[in-house]
Amino acid sequence: MTDITLDTVKRVNELIDYYNKYKNTTIPYPHVEFTKRGKVAGCVSYDRSEPYINFNMVLLQENFDDFMKQTIPHEVAHYIVFTLYGHQYNNMRTRRVVHGPDWKYTMRFLGCDPKLYHSYSTKNSTVRKLKTFKYKCSCSEIELTSIRHNRVMKGTANYRCSKCGTRLEYVG
């Protein structure tokens, strides 16, 4: 592990220790990975037998201080809430909201503002750079990505302007 990954894992474990100490719980340390890509700074994944935290290494390197203060506690709060109430996320009658009161309370307990989104530049972490195509409506010109453009060309989709509501027409 590099220094930055060691510091990140250390911060995750410190937050878990803090929560365990003052809440008298025994939440285990999560496995931490650094393979997240794209615009997402981090996430807790539940697709294995044990949940794990996955961070975006590019965004971590570019925004280290804010990651330590906000992003890591954000994901640790998700991990804590899932560890405590995970069975209730799958039960429709007691369904807990991912950024609901439990998560907000945990964020505040960890000393953080319960913000939902980061404001990091994702220019260097974006996975795909898609070509864009110009379309027009009655009020402006709009660019659609190659994915949406191809859907229009195949006849499987059409799009409307969110302002004026008219159908978008390909300019060429």
N, C-alpha and C. Protein backbone atom coordinates (compact mmCIF):
# COMPACT_ATOMS: atom_id res chain seq x y z
N MET A 1 0.84 -1.19 0.00
CA MET A 1 0.00 0.00 0.00
C MET A 1 0.87 1.24 0.00
N THR A 2 0.37 2.29 -0.64
CA THR A 2 1.08 3.56 -0.67
C THR A 2 0.73 4.37 0.57
N ASP A 3 1.45 5.46 0.79
CA ASP A 3 1.17 6.31 1.96
C ASP A 3 -0.27 6.82 1.95
N ILE A 4 -0.75 7.21 0.77
CA ILE A 4 -2.10 7.78 0.68
C ILE A 4 -3.17 6.71 0.99
N THR A 5 -2.94 5.50 0.56
CA THR A 5 -3.91 4.44 0.86
C THR A 5 -3.83 4.05 2.33
N LEU A 6 -2.62 4.03 2.88
CA LEU A 6 -2.47 3.74 4.32
C LEU A 6 -3.16 4.80 5.16
N ASP A 7 -2.98 6.08 4.77
CA ASP A 7 -3.64 7.17 5.50
C ASP A 7 -5.16 7.05 5.42
N THR A 8 -5.66 6.63 4.27
CA THR A 8 -7.10 6.48 4.09
C THR A 8 -7.64 5.36 4.97
N VAL A 9 -6.99 4.21 4.94
CA VAL A 9 -7.42 3.08 5.77
C VAL A 9 -7.33 3.45 7.25
N LYS A 10 -6.28 4.17 7.62
CA LYS A 10 -6.13 4.62 9.02
C LYS A 10 -7.29 5.51 9.42
N ARG A 11 -7.68 6.44 8.53
CA ARG A 11 -8.80 7.35 8.81
C ARG A 11 -10.11 6.57 8.94
N VAL A 12 -10.34 5.61 8.07
CA VAL A 12 -11.53 4.76 8.15
C VAL A 12 -11.57 4.07 9.52
N ASN A 13 -10.45 3.47 9.91
CA ASN A 13 -10.40 2.73 11.17
C ASN A 13 -10.55 3.65 12.38
N GLU A 14 -10.00 4.87 12.31
CA GLU A 14 -10.17 5.84 13.40
C GLU A 14 -11.64 6.19 13.60
N LEU A 15 -12.35 6.38 12.50
CA LEU A 15 -13.78 6.71 12.59
C LEU A 15 -14.58 5.54 13.18
N ILE A 16 -14.25 4.33 12.77
CA ILE A 16 -14.91 3.14 13.33
C ILE A 16 -14.60 3.04 14.82
N ASP A 17 -13.33 3.23 15.19
CA ASP A 17 -12.94 3.18 16.62
C ASP A 17 -13.70 4.22 17.43
N TYR A 18 -13.81 5.44 16.90
CA TYR A 18 -14.52 6.53 17.58
C TYR A 18 -15.98 6.14 17.80
N TYR A 19 -16.61 5.65 16.76
CA TYR A 19 -18.02 5.25 16.87
C TYR A 19 -18.18 4.13 17.89
N ASN A 20 -17.34 3.12 17.79
CA ASN A 20 -17.42 1.98 18.72
C ASN A 20 -17.22 2.42 20.16
N LYS A 21 -16.27 3.30 20.39
CA LYS A 21 -15.95 3.74 21.76
C LYS A 21 -17.13 4.47 22.39
N TYR A 22 -17.69 5.43 21.67
CA TYR A 22 -18.73 6.27 22.26
C TYR A 22 -20.14 5.71 22.13
N LYS A 23 -20.32 4.73 21.27
CA LYS A 23 -21.63 4.10 21.13
C LYS A 23 -21.65 2.69 21.72
N ASN A 24 -20.52 2.27 22.26
CA ASN A 24 -20.41 0.96 22.89
C ASN A 24 -20.85 -0.16 21.94
N THR A 25 -20.31 -0.11 20.71
CA THR A 25 -20.60 -1.12 19.70
C THR A 25 -19.30 -1.82 19.32
N THR A 26 -19.42 -2.85 18.52
CA THR A 26 -18.23 -3.59 18.05
C THR A 26 -18.29 -3.77 16.53
N ILE A 27 -18.44 -2.66 15.84
CA ILE A 27 -18.48 -2.71 14.39
C ILE A 27 -17.06 -3.03 13.89
N PRO A 28 -16.92 -4.06 13.03
CA PRO A 28 -15.58 -4.44 12.55
C PRO A 28 -15.06 -3.44 11.50
N TYR A 29 -13.76 -3.42 11.35
CA TYR A 29 -13.16 -2.60 10.30
C TYR A 29 -13.57 -3.16 8.94
N PRO A 30 -13.93 -2.28 8.01
CA PRO A 30 -14.29 -2.77 6.68
C PRO A 30 -13.04 -3.00 5.82
N HIS A 31 -13.19 -3.83 4.82
CA HIS A 31 -12.17 -3.96 3.79
C HIS A 31 -12.26 -2.68 2.95
N VAL A 32 -11.12 -2.13 2.56
CA VAL A 32 -11.10 -0.89 1.79
C VAL A 32 -10.38 -1.14 0.47
N GLU A 33 -11.00 -0.69 -0.61
CA GLU A 33 -10.42 -0.81 -1.95
C GLU A 33 -10.31 0.57 -2.59
N PHE A 34 -9.53 0.66 -3.66
CA PHE A 34 -9.30 1.92 -4.34
C PHE A 34 -9.46 1.74 -5.85
N THR A 35 -10.57 1.14 -6.25
CA THR A 35 -10.79 0.82 -7.66
C THR A 35 -11.97 1.57 -8.27
N LYS A 36 -12.64 2.42 -7.50
CA LYS A 36 -13.78 3.18 -8.03
C LYS A 36 -13.28 4.13 -9.11
N ARG A 37 -14.05 4.27 -10.16
CA ARG A 37 -13.65 5.15 -11.27
C ARG A 37 -14.80 6.07 -11.64
N GLY A 38 -14.51 7.03 -12.46
CA GLY A 38 -15.55 7.93 -12.94
C GLY A 38 -15.77 9.10 -12.00
N LYS A 39 -17.01 9.53 -11.87
CA LYS A 39 -17.35 10.73 -11.10
C LYS A 39 -17.65 10.45 -9.63
N VAL A 40 -17.77 9.20 -9.26
CA VAL A 40 -18.11 8.82 -7.89
C VAL A 40 -16.85 8.82 -7.03
N ALA A 41 -16.90 9.53 -5.89
CA ALA A 41 -15.73 9.63 -5.01
C ALA A 41 -15.54 8.35 -4.19
N GLY A 42 -16.62 7.72 -3.83
CA GLY A 42 -16.54 6.50 -3.03
C GLY A 42 -17.90 5.87 -2.89
N CYS A 43 -17.91 4.63 -2.43
CA CYS A 43 -19.19 3.96 -2.19
C CYS A 43 -18.96 2.78 -1.26
N VAL A 44 -20.04 2.35 -0.65
CA VAL A 44 -20.03 1.11 0.11
C VAL A 44 -20.72 0.08 -0.77
N SER A 45 -20.05 -1.02 -1.02
CA SER A 45 -20.62 -2.06 -1.87
C SER A 45 -21.07 -3.23 -1.01
N TYR A 46 -22.20 -3.80 -1.38
CA TYR A 46 -22.80 -4.89 -0.61
C TYR A 46 -22.90 -6.16 -1.44
N ASP A 47 -22.08 -6.25 -2.48
CA ASP A 47 -22.21 -7.38 -3.40
C ASP A 47 -21.37 -8.59 -3.02
N ARG A 48 -20.80 -8.58 -1.85
CA ARG A 48 -20.05 -9.73 -1.35
C ARG A 48 -20.66 -10.17 -0.03
N SER A 49 -20.06 -11.17 0.59
CA SER A 49 -20.61 -11.62 1.88
C SER A 49 -20.48 -10.53 2.94
N GLU A 50 -19.45 -9.69 2.83
CA GLU A 50 -19.27 -8.57 3.76
C GLU A 50 -19.21 -7.27 2.96
N PRO A 51 -19.86 -6.21 3.45
CA PRO A 51 -19.77 -4.94 2.73
C PRO A 51 -18.34 -4.39 2.79
N TYR A 52 -17.96 -3.61 1.79
CA TYR A 52 -16.64 -3.01 1.76
C TYR A 52 -16.74 -1.60 1.20
N ILE A 53 -15.73 -0.77 1.51
CA ILE A 53 -15.71 0.61 1.04
C ILE A 53 -14.73 0.70 -0.12
N ASN A 54 -15.16 1.37 -1.18
CA ASN A 54 -14.35 1.51 -2.38
C ASN A 54 -14.21 2.99 -2.71
N PHE A 55 -12.98 3.49 -2.80
CA PHE A 55 -12.71 4.90 -3.09
C PHE A 55 -12.11 5.08 -4.48
N ASN A 56 -12.33 6.27 -5.03
CA ASN A 56 -11.78 6.66 -6.32
C ASN A 56 -10.38 7.24 -6.07
N MET A 57 -9.34 6.53 -6.50
CA MET A 57 -7.96 6.93 -6.23
C MET A 57 -7.60 8.27 -6.86
N VAL A 58 -8.10 8.54 -8.07
CA VAL A 58 -7.78 9.82 -8.73
C VAL A 58 -8.35 10.98 -7.92
N LEU A 59 -9.62 10.88 -7.53
CA LEU A 59 -10.23 11.95 -6.74
C LEU A 59 -9.61 12.05 -5.36
N LEU A 60 -9.22 10.94 -4.78
CA LEU A 60 -8.54 10.93 -3.47
C LEU A 60 -7.22 11.70 -3.55
N GLN A 61 -6.43 11.42 -4.57
CA GLN A 61 -5.14 12.09 -4.72
C GLN A 61 -5.30 13.58 -4.97
N GLU A 62 -6.29 13.96 -5.74
CA GLU A 62 -6.48 15.36 -6.09
C GLU A 62 -7.17 16.17 -5.00
N ASN A 63 -7.86 15.51 -4.07
CA ASN A 63 -8.66 16.20 -3.05
C ASN A 63 -8.42 15.59 -1.67
N PHE A 64 -7.19 15.29 -1.36
CA PHE A 64 -6.86 14.51 -0.16
C PHE A 64 -7.44 15.10 1.12
N ASP A 65 -7.24 16.40 1.36
CA ASP A 65 -7.70 17.00 2.62
C ASP A 65 -9.21 16.91 2.78
N ASP A 66 -9.95 17.25 1.71
CA ASP A 66 -11.40 17.18 1.81
C ASP A 66 -11.88 15.73 1.92
N PHE A 67 -11.19 14.82 1.28
CA PHE A 67 -11.52 13.40 1.41
C PHE A 67 -11.46 12.98 2.87
N MET A 68 -10.39 13.38 3.54
CA MET A 68 -10.20 13.02 4.95
C MET A 68 -11.31 13.59 5.82
N LYS A 69 -11.73 14.82 5.51
CA LYS A 69 -12.72 15.51 6.33
C LYS A 69 -14.16 15.13 6.00
N GLN A 70 -14.44 14.87 4.72
CA GLN A 70 -15.84 14.70 4.32
C GLN A 70 -16.16 13.38 3.63
N THR A 71 -15.40 13.00 2.62
CA THR A 71 -15.75 11.83 1.82
C THR A 71 -15.59 10.53 2.60
N ILE A 72 -14.48 10.39 3.30
CA ILE A 72 -14.27 9.15 4.07
C ILE A 72 -15.33 9.02 5.16
N PRO A 73 -15.61 10.06 5.97
CA PRO A 73 -16.71 9.92 6.94
C PRO A 73 -18.05 9.63 6.28
N HIS A 74 -18.31 10.19 5.10
CA HIS A 74 -19.55 9.94 4.38
C HIS A 74 -19.72 8.44 4.12
N GLU A 75 -18.66 7.80 3.61
CA GLU A 75 -18.75 6.37 3.30
C GLU A 75 -18.72 5.52 4.56
N VAL A 76 -17.97 5.93 5.56
CA VAL A 76 -17.95 5.19 6.83
C VAL A 76 -19.33 5.23 7.48
N ALA A 77 -20.01 6.38 7.38
CA ALA A 77 -21.38 6.48 7.93
C ALA A 77 -22.31 5.49 7.24
N HIS A 78 -22.19 5.36 5.91
CA HIS A 78 -22.98 4.34 5.19
C HIS A 78 -22.65 2.95 5.71
N TYR A 79 -21.38 2.67 5.87
CA TYR A 79 -20.94 1.34 6.34
C TYR A 79 -21.49 1.06 7.74
N ILE A 80 -21.41 2.03 8.63
CA ILE A 80 -21.93 1.85 10.01
C ILE A 80 -23.42 1.59 9.99
N VAL A 81 -24.16 2.42 9.27
CA VAL A 81 -25.61 2.27 9.23
C VAL A 81 -25.99 0.92 8.62
N PHE A 82 -25.31 0.52 7.56
CA PHE A 82 -25.62 -0.78 6.97
C PHE A 82 -25.28 -1.91 7.93
N THR A 83 -24.16 -1.79 8.63
CA THR A 83 -23.76 -2.84 9.59
C THR A 83 -24.79 -2.95 10.71
N LEU A 84 -25.32 -1.82 11.15
CA LEU A 84 -26.30 -1.84 12.24
C LEU A 84 -27.70 -2.24 11.78
N TYR A 85 -28.11 -1.78 10.61
CA TYR A 85 -29.50 -1.94 10.17
C TYR A 85 -29.65 -2.61 8.81
N GLY A 86 -28.62 -3.24 8.30
CA GLY A 86 -28.62 -3.78 6.95
C GLY A 86 -29.82 -4.62 6.60
N HIS A 87 -30.26 -5.44 7.55
CA HIS A 87 -31.41 -6.30 7.29
C HIS A 87 -32.68 -5.50 7.01
N GLN A 88 -32.72 -4.27 7.48
CA GLN A 88 -33.92 -3.44 7.27
C GLN A 88 -33.91 -2.73 5.92
N TYR A 89 -32.80 -2.74 5.21
CA TYR A 89 -32.77 -2.13 3.89
C TYR A 89 -33.50 -2.99 2.87
N ASN A 90 -33.63 -4.27 3.15
CA ASN A 90 -34.30 -5.17 2.21
C ASN A 90 -35.75 -5.44 2.59
N ASN A 91 -36.18 -4.95 3.72
CA ASN A 91 -37.54 -5.16 4.20
C ASN A 91 -38.37 -3.94 3.81
N MET A 92 -39.35 -4.13 2.94
CA MET A 92 -40.13 -3.01 2.41
C MET A 92 -40.91 -2.25 3.48
N ARG A 93 -41.33 -2.93 4.55
CA ARG A 93 -42.10 -2.25 5.58
C ARG A 93 -41.24 -1.33 6.44
N THR A 94 -39.98 -1.66 6.64
CA THR A 94 -39.11 -0.84 7.48
C THR A 94 -37.98 -0.23 6.66
N ARG A 95 -38.20 -0.09 5.38
CA ARG A 95 -37.16 0.37 4.45
C ARG A 95 -36.52 1.67 4.93
N ARG A 96 -35.23 1.63 5.09
CA ARG A 96 -34.48 2.81 5.51
C ARG A 96 -33.88 3.48 4.28
N VAL A 97 -33.90 4.78 4.26
CA VAL A 97 -33.38 5.53 3.14
C VAL A 97 -31.87 5.65 3.29
N VAL A 98 -31.14 5.47 2.17
CA VAL A 98 -29.67 5.45 2.21
C VAL A 98 -29.11 6.73 2.83
N HIS A 99 -29.63 7.90 2.46
CA HIS A 99 -29.19 9.16 3.05
C HIS A 99 -30.25 9.70 4.00
N GLY A 100 -30.88 8.79 4.72
CA GLY A 100 -31.96 9.14 5.63
C GLY A 100 -31.48 9.56 7.01
N PRO A 101 -32.39 9.57 7.97
CA PRO A 101 -32.08 10.06 9.32
C PRO A 101 -30.94 9.30 10.02
N ASP A 102 -30.86 7.98 9.83
CA ASP A 102 -29.79 7.21 10.47
C ASP A 102 -28.42 7.65 9.95
N TRP A 103 -28.32 7.79 8.64
CA TRP A 103 -27.06 8.20 8.03
C TRP A 103 -26.72 9.63 8.44
N LYS A 104 -27.70 10.54 8.41
CA LYS A 104 -27.46 11.93 8.79
C LYS A 104 -27.00 12.03 10.25
N TYR A 105 -27.66 11.28 11.12
CA TYR A 105 -27.26 11.26 12.52
C TYR A 105 -25.82 10.77 12.68
N THR A 106 -25.48 9.71 11.97
CA THR A 106 -24.13 9.14 12.05
C THR A 106 -23.10 10.13 11.53
N MET A 107 -23.40 10.82 10.45
CA MET A 107 -22.49 11.84 9.92
C MET A 107 -22.26 12.93 10.96
N ARG A 108 -23.32 13.41 11.57
CA ARG A 108 -23.17 14.45 12.59
C ARG A 108 -22.39 13.92 13.80
N PHE A 109 -22.67 12.68 14.18
CA PHE A 109 -21.94 12.07 15.30
C PHE A 109 -20.44 12.00 15.00
N LEU A 110 -20.10 11.75 13.74
CA LEU A 110 -18.68 11.69 13.33
C LEU A 110 -18.09 13.09 13.13
N GLY A 111 -18.91 14.13 13.36
CA GLY A 111 -18.42 15.50 13.28
C GLY A 111 -18.45 16.11 11.90
N CYS A 112 -19.33 15.62 11.04
CA CYS A 112 -19.37 16.09 9.65
C CYS A 112 -20.75 16.59 9.27
N ASP A 113 -20.76 17.49 8.31
CA ASP A 113 -22.00 17.97 7.71
C ASP A 113 -22.52 16.87 6.79
N PRO A 114 -23.78 16.47 6.91
CA PRO A 114 -24.30 15.38 6.07
C PRO A 114 -24.59 15.81 4.64
N LYS A 115 -23.53 16.18 3.90
CA LYS A 115 -23.67 16.54 2.49
C LYS A 115 -23.80 15.28 1.65
N LEU A 116 -24.60 15.35 0.60
CA LEU A 116 -24.80 14.19 -0.26
C LEU A 116 -23.78 14.10 -1.38
N TYR A 117 -23.34 15.23 -1.92
CA TYR A 117 -22.52 15.20 -3.13
C TYR A 117 -21.22 15.97 -2.93
N HIS A 118 -20.19 15.53 -3.61
CA HIS A 118 -18.93 16.27 -3.59
C HIS A 118 -18.94 17.31 -4.70
N SER A 119 -17.97 18.20 -4.65
CA SER A 119 -17.85 19.22 -5.70
C SER A 119 -16.47 19.15 -6.35
N TYR A 120 -15.88 17.97 -6.37
CA TYR A 120 -14.56 17.78 -6.95
C TYR A 120 -14.62 17.84 -8.47
N SER A 121 -13.55 18.35 -9.05
CA SER A 121 -13.43 18.28 -10.50
C SER A 121 -13.19 16.82 -10.87
N THR A 122 -13.96 16.32 -11.82
CA THR A 122 -13.82 14.92 -12.24
C THR A 122 -13.17 14.82 -13.61
N LYS A 123 -12.56 15.90 -14.04
CA LYS A 123 -11.95 15.94 -15.37
C LYS A 123 -10.95 14.80 -15.57
N ASN A 124 -10.12 14.54 -14.58
CA ASN A 124 -9.08 13.51 -14.70
C ASN A 124 -9.56 12.11 -14.35
N SER A 125 -10.75 12.00 -13.78
CA SER A 125 -11.22 10.68 -13.35
C SER A 125 -12.35 10.13 -14.22
N THR A 126 -12.83 10.93 -15.15
CA THR A 126 -13.91 10.47 -16.01
C THR A 126 -13.44 9.30 -16.85
N VAL A 127 -14.24 8.25 -16.86
CA VAL A 127 -13.85 7.01 -17.53
C VAL A 127 -13.91 7.14 -19.04
N ARG A 128 -15.02 7.65 -19.55
CA ARG A 128 -15.18 7.74 -21.00
C ARG A 128 -15.41 9.18 -21.41
N LYS A 129 -14.77 9.57 -22.47
CA LYS A 129 -14.99 10.87 -23.07
C LYS A 129 -15.84 10.62 -24.33
N LEU A 130 -17.12 10.94 -24.25
CA LEU A 130 -18.02 10.66 -25.36
C LEU A 130 -18.09 11.82 -26.34
N LYS A 131 -18.16 11.50 -27.60
CA LYS A 131 -18.34 12.49 -28.65
C LYS A 131 -19.76 13.05 -28.51
N THR A 132 -19.91 14.33 -28.83
CA THR A 132 -21.24 14.94 -28.75
C THR A 132 -21.71 15.38 -30.13
N PHE A 133 -23.04 15.47 -30.27
CA PHE A 133 -23.68 15.84 -31.52
C PHE A 133 -24.67 16.97 -31.25
N LYS A 134 -24.72 17.94 -32.17
CA LYS A 134 -25.58 19.11 -31.98
C LYS A 134 -27.01 18.83 -32.41
N TYR A 135 -27.92 19.24 -31.53
CA TYR A 135 -29.36 19.17 -31.78
C TYR A 135 -29.94 20.54 -31.48
N LYS A 136 -31.11 20.82 -32.04
CA LYS A 136 -31.76 22.09 -31.75
C LYS A 136 -33.22 21.85 -31.39
N CYS A 137 -33.72 22.80 -30.63
CA CYS A 137 -35.15 22.83 -30.31
C CYS A 137 -35.62 24.23 -30.67
N SER A 138 -36.77 24.64 -30.19
CA SER A 138 -37.26 25.97 -30.55
C SER A 138 -36.60 27.08 -29.74
N CYS A 139 -35.86 26.74 -28.69
CA CYS A 139 -35.26 27.79 -27.86
C CYS A 139 -33.74 27.80 -27.83
N SER A 140 -33.07 26.72 -28.21
CA SER A 140 -31.61 26.70 -28.12
C SER A 140 -31.00 25.51 -28.86
N GLU A 141 -29.67 25.44 -28.80
CA GLU A 141 -28.95 24.27 -29.30
C GLU A 141 -28.51 23.45 -28.11
N ILE A 142 -28.57 22.14 -28.26
CA ILE A 142 -28.22 21.22 -27.18
C ILE A 142 -27.30 20.15 -27.75
N GLU A 143 -26.34 19.71 -26.95
CA GLU A 143 -25.47 18.62 -27.37
C GLU A 143 -25.89 17.33 -26.70
N LEU A 144 -26.05 16.29 -27.51
CA LEU A 144 -26.33 14.95 -27.00
C LEU A 144 -25.07 14.11 -27.15
N THR A 145 -24.86 13.19 -26.22
CA THR A 145 -23.71 12.30 -26.34
C THR A 145 -23.95 11.29 -27.46
N SER A 146 -22.88 10.62 -27.85
CA SER A 146 -22.98 9.64 -28.92
C SER A 146 -23.96 8.52 -28.57
N ILE A 147 -24.11 8.21 -27.31
CA ILE A 147 -25.05 7.15 -26.90
C ILE A 147 -26.47 7.56 -27.26
N ARG A 148 -26.88 8.76 -26.85
CA ARG A 148 -28.24 9.23 -27.16
C ARG A 148 -28.41 9.49 -28.65
N HIS A 149 -27.38 10.05 -29.28
CA HIS A 149 -27.43 10.29 -30.72
C HIS A 149 -27.69 8.98 -31.48
N ASN A 150 -26.98 7.93 -31.11
CA ASN A 150 -27.16 6.64 -31.79
C ASN A 150 -28.58 6.09 -31.58
N ARG A 151 -29.15 6.33 -30.42
CA ARG A 151 -30.54 5.90 -30.18
C ARG A 151 -31.51 6.63 -31.10
N VAL A 152 -31.27 7.93 -31.29
CA VAL A 152 -32.10 8.72 -32.19
C VAL A 152 -31.97 8.19 -33.62
N MET A 153 -30.74 7.95 -34.05
CA MET A 153 -30.48 7.49 -35.42
C MET A 153 -31.11 6.12 -35.68
N LYS A 154 -31.14 5.26 -34.66
CA LYS A 154 -31.76 3.92 -34.81
C LYS A 154 -33.28 3.99 -34.71
N GLY A 155 -33.80 5.11 -34.24
CA GLY A 155 -35.25 5.25 -34.09
C GLY A 155 -35.78 4.64 -32.80
N THR A 156 -34.91 4.34 -31.85
CA THR A 156 -35.36 3.73 -30.59
C THR A 156 -35.63 4.77 -29.51
N ALA A 157 -35.30 6.05 -29.78
CA ALA A 157 -35.55 7.09 -28.78
C ALA A 157 -35.68 8.44 -29.47
N ASN A 158 -36.38 9.34 -28.80
CA ASN A 158 -36.36 10.75 -29.19
C ASN A 158 -36.33 11.55 -27.90
N TYR A 159 -35.80 12.74 -27.99
CA TYR A 159 -35.60 13.55 -26.79
C TYR A 159 -36.24 14.91 -26.96
N ARG A 160 -36.66 15.49 -25.83
CA ARG A 160 -37.29 16.80 -25.83
C ARG A 160 -36.48 17.76 -24.97
N CYS A 161 -36.59 19.02 -25.28
CA CYS A 161 -35.91 20.06 -24.51
C CYS A 161 -36.58 20.17 -23.14
N SER A 162 -35.77 20.26 -22.10
CA SER A 162 -36.34 20.36 -20.75
C SER A 162 -36.92 21.75 -20.49
N LYS A 163 -36.57 22.76 -21.32
CA LYS A 163 -37.09 24.12 -21.11
C LYS A 163 -38.38 24.36 -21.89
N CYS A 164 -38.33 24.11 -23.21
CA CYS A 164 -39.49 24.44 -24.04
C CYS A 164 -40.37 23.22 -24.37
N GLY A 165 -39.84 22.03 -24.18
CA GLY A 165 -40.62 20.82 -24.39
C GLY A 165 -40.72 20.34 -25.83
N THR A 166 -40.09 21.06 -26.77
CA THR A 166 -40.15 20.62 -28.17
C THR A 166 -39.15 19.51 -28.43
N ARG A 167 -39.45 18.74 -29.45
CA ARG A 167 -38.59 17.60 -29.80
C ARG A 167 -37.26 18.11 -30.36
N LEU A 168 -36.17 17.46 -29.95
CA LEU A 168 -34.84 17.83 -30.44
C LEU A 168 -34.63 17.30 -31.84
N GLU A 169 -34.08 18.15 -32.70
CA GLU A 169 -33.80 17.79 -34.09
C GLU A 169 -32.30 17.84 -34.33
N TYR A 170 -31.79 16.83 -35.01
CA TYR A 170 -30.36 16.75 -35.28
C TYR A 170 -29.95 17.84 -36.26
N VAL A 171 -28.90 18.60 -35.90
CA VAL A 171 -28.42 19.70 -36.73
C VAL A 171 -27.43 19.18 -37.77
N GLY A 172 -26.59 18.27 -37.38
CA GLY A 172 -25.62 17.69 -38.33
C GLY A 172 -24.21 18.09 -38.08
